[in-house]
Amino acid sequence: MGCVVNGPGEARSADLGIAAGKHRGHLFIKGEIVRVVPEDEMVAALVDEAEKLVKEGFEARLAAADKSAAGEAEADRRALLDAKGLDANNSEARVELISRRLGTRRGTSPSNTN
């Protein structure tokens, strides 16, 4: 699971995943978006897709993917990036803040900062 900006990329090798954002869920199999569902249907859609994967297999589920899902997902991702900036999670600032609190610098561990 993850956000629509980073989720599919971070879990590219996951058999099945879902990324959430913009009040929608992006279901993906092996990093490929297969469906986009409303937020209130995400859990049911994830369970449904898992059951279909068990019965039909990966190739069949990838072949059955909604052909418009990848485009819809990309539009959601771009809208969030436009609204929140390139680093939607502000990860670089968080890493720097944690490093300062621990008294470390990038590339060093707390034990060798002297």
C-alpha atoms as a PDB file:
ATOM      1  CA  MET A   1       0.000   0.000   0.000  1.00  0.00           C
ATOM      2  CA  GLY A   2       1.138   3.505  -0.580  1.00  0.00           C
ATOM      3  CA  CYS A   3       0.278   6.884  -2.002  1.00  0.00           C
ATOM      4  CA  VAL A   4      -0.487   7.345  -5.694  1.00  0.00           C
ATOM      5  CA  VAL A   5       2.728   9.298  -6.225  1.00  0.00           C
ATOM      6  CA  ASN A   6       5.178   6.660  -4.998  1.00  0.00           C
ATOM      7  CA  GLY A   7       3.164   3.513  -4.218  1.00  0.00           C
ATOM      8  CA  PRO A   8       3.354   1.604  -7.499  1.00  0.00           C
ATOM      9  CA  GLY A   9       7.048   2.384  -7.951  1.00  0.00           C
ATOM     10  CA  GLU A  10       7.956   1.456  -4.395  1.00  0.00           C
ATOM     11  CA  ALA A  11       6.061  -1.831  -4.629  1.00  0.00           C
ATOM     12  CA  ARG A  12       6.874  -2.609  -8.257  1.00  0.00           C
ATOM     13  CA  SER A  13       7.617  -6.258  -7.481  1.00  0.00           C
ATOM     14  CA  ALA A  14       4.558  -6.752  -5.245  1.00  0.00           C
ATOM     15  CA  ASP A  15       2.126  -9.326  -6.548  1.00  0.00           C
ATOM     16  CA  LEU A  16      -0.809  -7.073  -5.701  1.00  0.00           C
ATOM     17  CA  GLY A  17      -1.000  -3.598  -4.260  1.00  0.00           C
ATOM     18  CA  ILE A  18      -3.098  -0.500  -3.894  1.00  0.00           C
ATOM     19  CA  ALA A  19      -2.110   3.142  -3.818  1.00  0.00           C
ATOM     20  CA  ALA A  20      -4.472   5.805  -2.517  1.00  0.00           C
ATOM     21  CA  GLY A  21      -4.953   9.468  -3.268  1.00  0.00           C
ATOM     22  CA  LYS A  22      -7.391  11.954  -4.769  1.00  0.00           C
ATOM     23  CA  HIS A  23     -10.223   9.929  -3.172  1.00  0.00           C
ATOM     24  CA  ARG A  24      -9.421   6.973  -5.401  1.00  0.00           C
ATOM     25  CA  GLY A  25      -7.467   3.759  -5.200  1.00  0.00           C
ATOM     26  CA  HIS A  26      -5.096   2.549  -7.894  1.00  0.00           C
ATOM     27  CA  LEU A  27      -4.919  -1.240  -7.920  1.00  0.00           C
ATOM     28  CA  PHE A  28      -1.739  -2.662  -9.375  1.00  0.00           C
ATOM     29  CA  ILE A  29      -0.283  -6.068 -10.140  1.00  0.00           C
ATOM     30  CA  LYS A  30       3.494  -6.374 -10.473  1.00  0.00           C
ATOM     31  CA  GLY A  31       3.722  -2.570 -10.757  1.00  0.00           C
ATOM     32  CA  GLU A  32       1.095  -2.261 -13.521  1.00  0.00           C
ATOM     33  CA  ILE A  33      -2.079  -0.293 -12.790  1.00  0.00           C
ATOM     34  CA  VAL A  34      -5.036  -2.568 -13.515  1.00  0.00           C
ATOM     35  CA  ARG A  35      -7.978  -0.651 -12.035  1.00  0.00           C
ATOM     36  CA  VAL A  36      -8.858   2.710 -10.524  1.00  0.00           C
ATOM     37  CA  VAL A  37     -11.675   2.560  -7.974  1.00  0.00           C
ATOM     38  CA  PRO A  38     -13.478   5.052  -5.723  1.00  0.00           C
ATOM     39  CA  GLU A  39     -12.060   5.394  -2.212  1.00  0.00           C
ATOM     40  CA  ASP A  40     -15.045   3.696  -0.567  1.00  0.00           C
ATOM     41  CA  GLU A  41     -14.566   0.610  -2.776  1.00  0.00           C
ATOM     42  CA  MET A  42     -10.811   0.160  -2.289  1.00  0.00           C
ATOM     43  CA  VAL A  43     -10.858  -2.671   0.255  1.00  0.00           C
ATOM     44  CA  ALA A  44     -13.529  -4.668  -1.556  1.00  0.00           C
ATOM     45  CA  ALA A  45     -11.734  -4.162  -4.890  1.00  0.00           C
ATOM     46  CA  LEU A  46      -8.413  -5.297  -3.409  1.00  0.00           C
ATOM     47  CA  VAL A  47      -9.972  -8.461  -1.965  1.00  0.00           C
ATOM     48  CA  ASP A  48     -11.821  -9.109  -5.239  1.00  0.00           C
ATOM     49  CA  GLU A  49      -8.620  -8.757  -7.233  1.00  0.00           C
ATOM     50  CA  ALA A  50      -6.743 -11.077  -4.857  1.00  0.00           C
ATOM     51  CA  GLU A  51      -9.416 -13.741  -5.272  1.00  0.00           C
ATOM     52  CA  LYS A  52      -9.300 -13.397  -9.049  1.00  0.00           C
ATOM     53  CA  LEU A  53      -5.496 -13.647  -9.019  1.00  0.00           C
ATOM     54  CA  VAL A  54      -5.703 -16.954  -7.161  1.00  0.00           C
ATOM     55  CA  LYS A  55      -8.299 -18.347  -9.580  1.00  0.00           C
ATOM     56  CA  GLU A  56      -7.033 -16.925 -12.872  1.00  0.00           C
ATOM     57  CA  GLY A  57      -3.324 -16.197 -12.459  1.00  0.00           C
ATOM     58  CA  PHE A  58      -1.202 -13.152 -13.182  1.00  0.00           C
ATOM     59  CA  GLU A  59      -1.257 -13.244 -16.976  1.00  0.00           C
ATOM     60  CA  ALA A  60      -5.061 -13.396 -17.094  1.00  0.00           C
ATOM     61  CA  ARG A  61      -5.476 -10.541 -14.596  1.00  0.00           C
ATOM     62  CA  LEU A  62      -2.955  -8.348 -16.395  1.00  0.00           C
ATOM     63  CA  ALA A  63      -4.717  -9.086 -19.696  1.00  0.00           C
ATOM     64  CA  ALA A  64      -8.043  -8.094 -18.080  1.00  0.00           C
ATOM     65  CA  ALA A  65      -6.671  -4.742 -16.878  1.00  0.00           C
ATOM     66  CA  ASP A  66      -8.760  -1.671 -17.537  1.00  0.00           C
ATOM     67  CA  LYS A  67      -6.890  -0.091 -20.454  1.00  0.00           C
ATOM     68  CA  SER A  68      -7.740   3.426 -19.244  1.00  0.00           C
ATOM     69  CA  ALA A  69      -6.557   2.787 -15.663  1.00  0.00           C
ATOM     70  CA  ALA A  70      -2.897   3.681 -16.233  1.00  0.00           C
ATOM     71  CA  GLY A  71      -3.839   7.016 -17.798  1.00  0.00           C
ATOM     72  CA  GLU A  72      -6.272   7.834 -14.990  1.00  0.00           C
ATOM     73  CA  ALA A  73      -3.670   6.908 -12.389  1.00  0.00           C
ATOM     74  CA  GLU A  74      -1.026   9.059 -14.064  1.00  0.00           C
ATOM     75  CA  ALA A  75      -3.439  12.015 -14.143  1.00  0.00           C
ATOM     76  CA  ASP A  76      -4.065  11.599 -10.399  1.00  0.00           C
ATOM     77  CA  ARG A  77      -0.324  11.335  -9.719  1.00  0.00           C
ATOM     78  CA  ARG A  78       0.458  14.469 -11.724  1.00  0.00           C
ATOM     79  CA  ALA A  79      -2.359  16.416 -10.043  1.00  0.00           C
ATOM     80  CA  LEU A  80      -0.944  15.534  -6.621  1.00  0.00           C
ATOM     81  CA  LEU A  81       2.580  16.452  -7.687  1.00  0.00           C
ATOM     82  CA  ASP A  82       1.313  19.791  -8.995  1.00  0.00           C
ATOM     83  CA  ALA A  83      -0.526  20.437  -5.734  1.00  0.00           C
ATOM     84  CA  LYS A  84       2.144  19.166  -3.327  1.00  0.00           C
ATOM     85  CA  GLY A  85       5.412  19.560  -5.205  1.00  0.00           C
ATOM     86  CA  LEU A  86       7.882  17.016  -6.500  1.00  0.00           C
ATOM     87  CA  ASP A  87       8.521  15.478  -3.091  1.00  0.00           C
ATOM     88  CA  ALA A  88       4.969  14.995  -1.841  1.00  0.00           C
ATOM     89  CA  ASN A  89       6.235  13.354   1.348  1.00  0.00           C
ATOM     90  CA  ASN A  90       8.929  15.966   1.952  1.00  0.00           C
ATOM     91  CA  SER A  91      11.324  13.073   2.550  1.00  0.00           C
ATOM     92  CA  GLU A  92      14.579  15.003   2.128  1.00  0.00           C
ATOM     93  CA  ALA A  93      13.538  17.515   4.808  1.00  0.00           C
ATOM     94  CA  ARG A  94      12.529  14.679   7.120  1.00  0.00           C
ATOM     95  CA  VAL A  95      15.837  12.863   6.669  1.00  0.00           C
ATOM     96  CA  GLU A  96      17.699  16.093   7.440  1.00  0.00           C
ATOM     97  CA  LEU A  97      15.546  16.760  10.515  1.00  0.00           C
ATOM     98  CA  ILE A  98      16.095  13.234  11.846  1.00  0.00           C
ATOM     99  CA  SER A  99      19.825  13.525  11.202  1.00  0.00           C
ATOM    100  CA  ARG A 100      20.001  16.800  13.122  1.00  0.00           C
ATOM    101  CA  ARG A 101      18.051  15.357  16.037  1.00  0.00           C
ATOM    102  CA  LEU A 102      20.366  12.352  16.180  1.00  0.00           C
ATOM    103  CA  GLY A 103      23.417  14.549  15.770  1.00  0.00           C
ATOM    104  CA  THR A 104      24.476  12.773  12.611  1.00  0.00           C
ATOM    105  CA  ARG A 105      25.312  13.830   9.114  1.00  0.00           C
ATOM    106  CA  ARG A 106      24.422  12.077   5.909  1.00  0.00           C
ATOM    107  CA  GLY A 107      26.651   9.100   5.260  1.00  0.00           C
ATOM    108  CA  THR A 108      27.787   8.776   8.875  1.00  0.00           C
ATOM    109  CA  SER A 109      26.490   6.819  11.797  1.00  0.00           C
ATOM    110  CA  PRO A 110      26.003   8.248  15.303  1.00  0.00           C
ATOM    111  CA  SER A 111      29.072   6.322  16.517  1.00  0.00           C
ATOM    112  CA  ASN A 112      31.537   7.927  14.102  1.00  0.00           C
ATOM    113  CA  THR A 113      30.497  11.599  14.048  1.00  0.00           C
ATOM    114  CA  ASN A 114      33.362  12.771  16.300  1.00  0.00           C
END
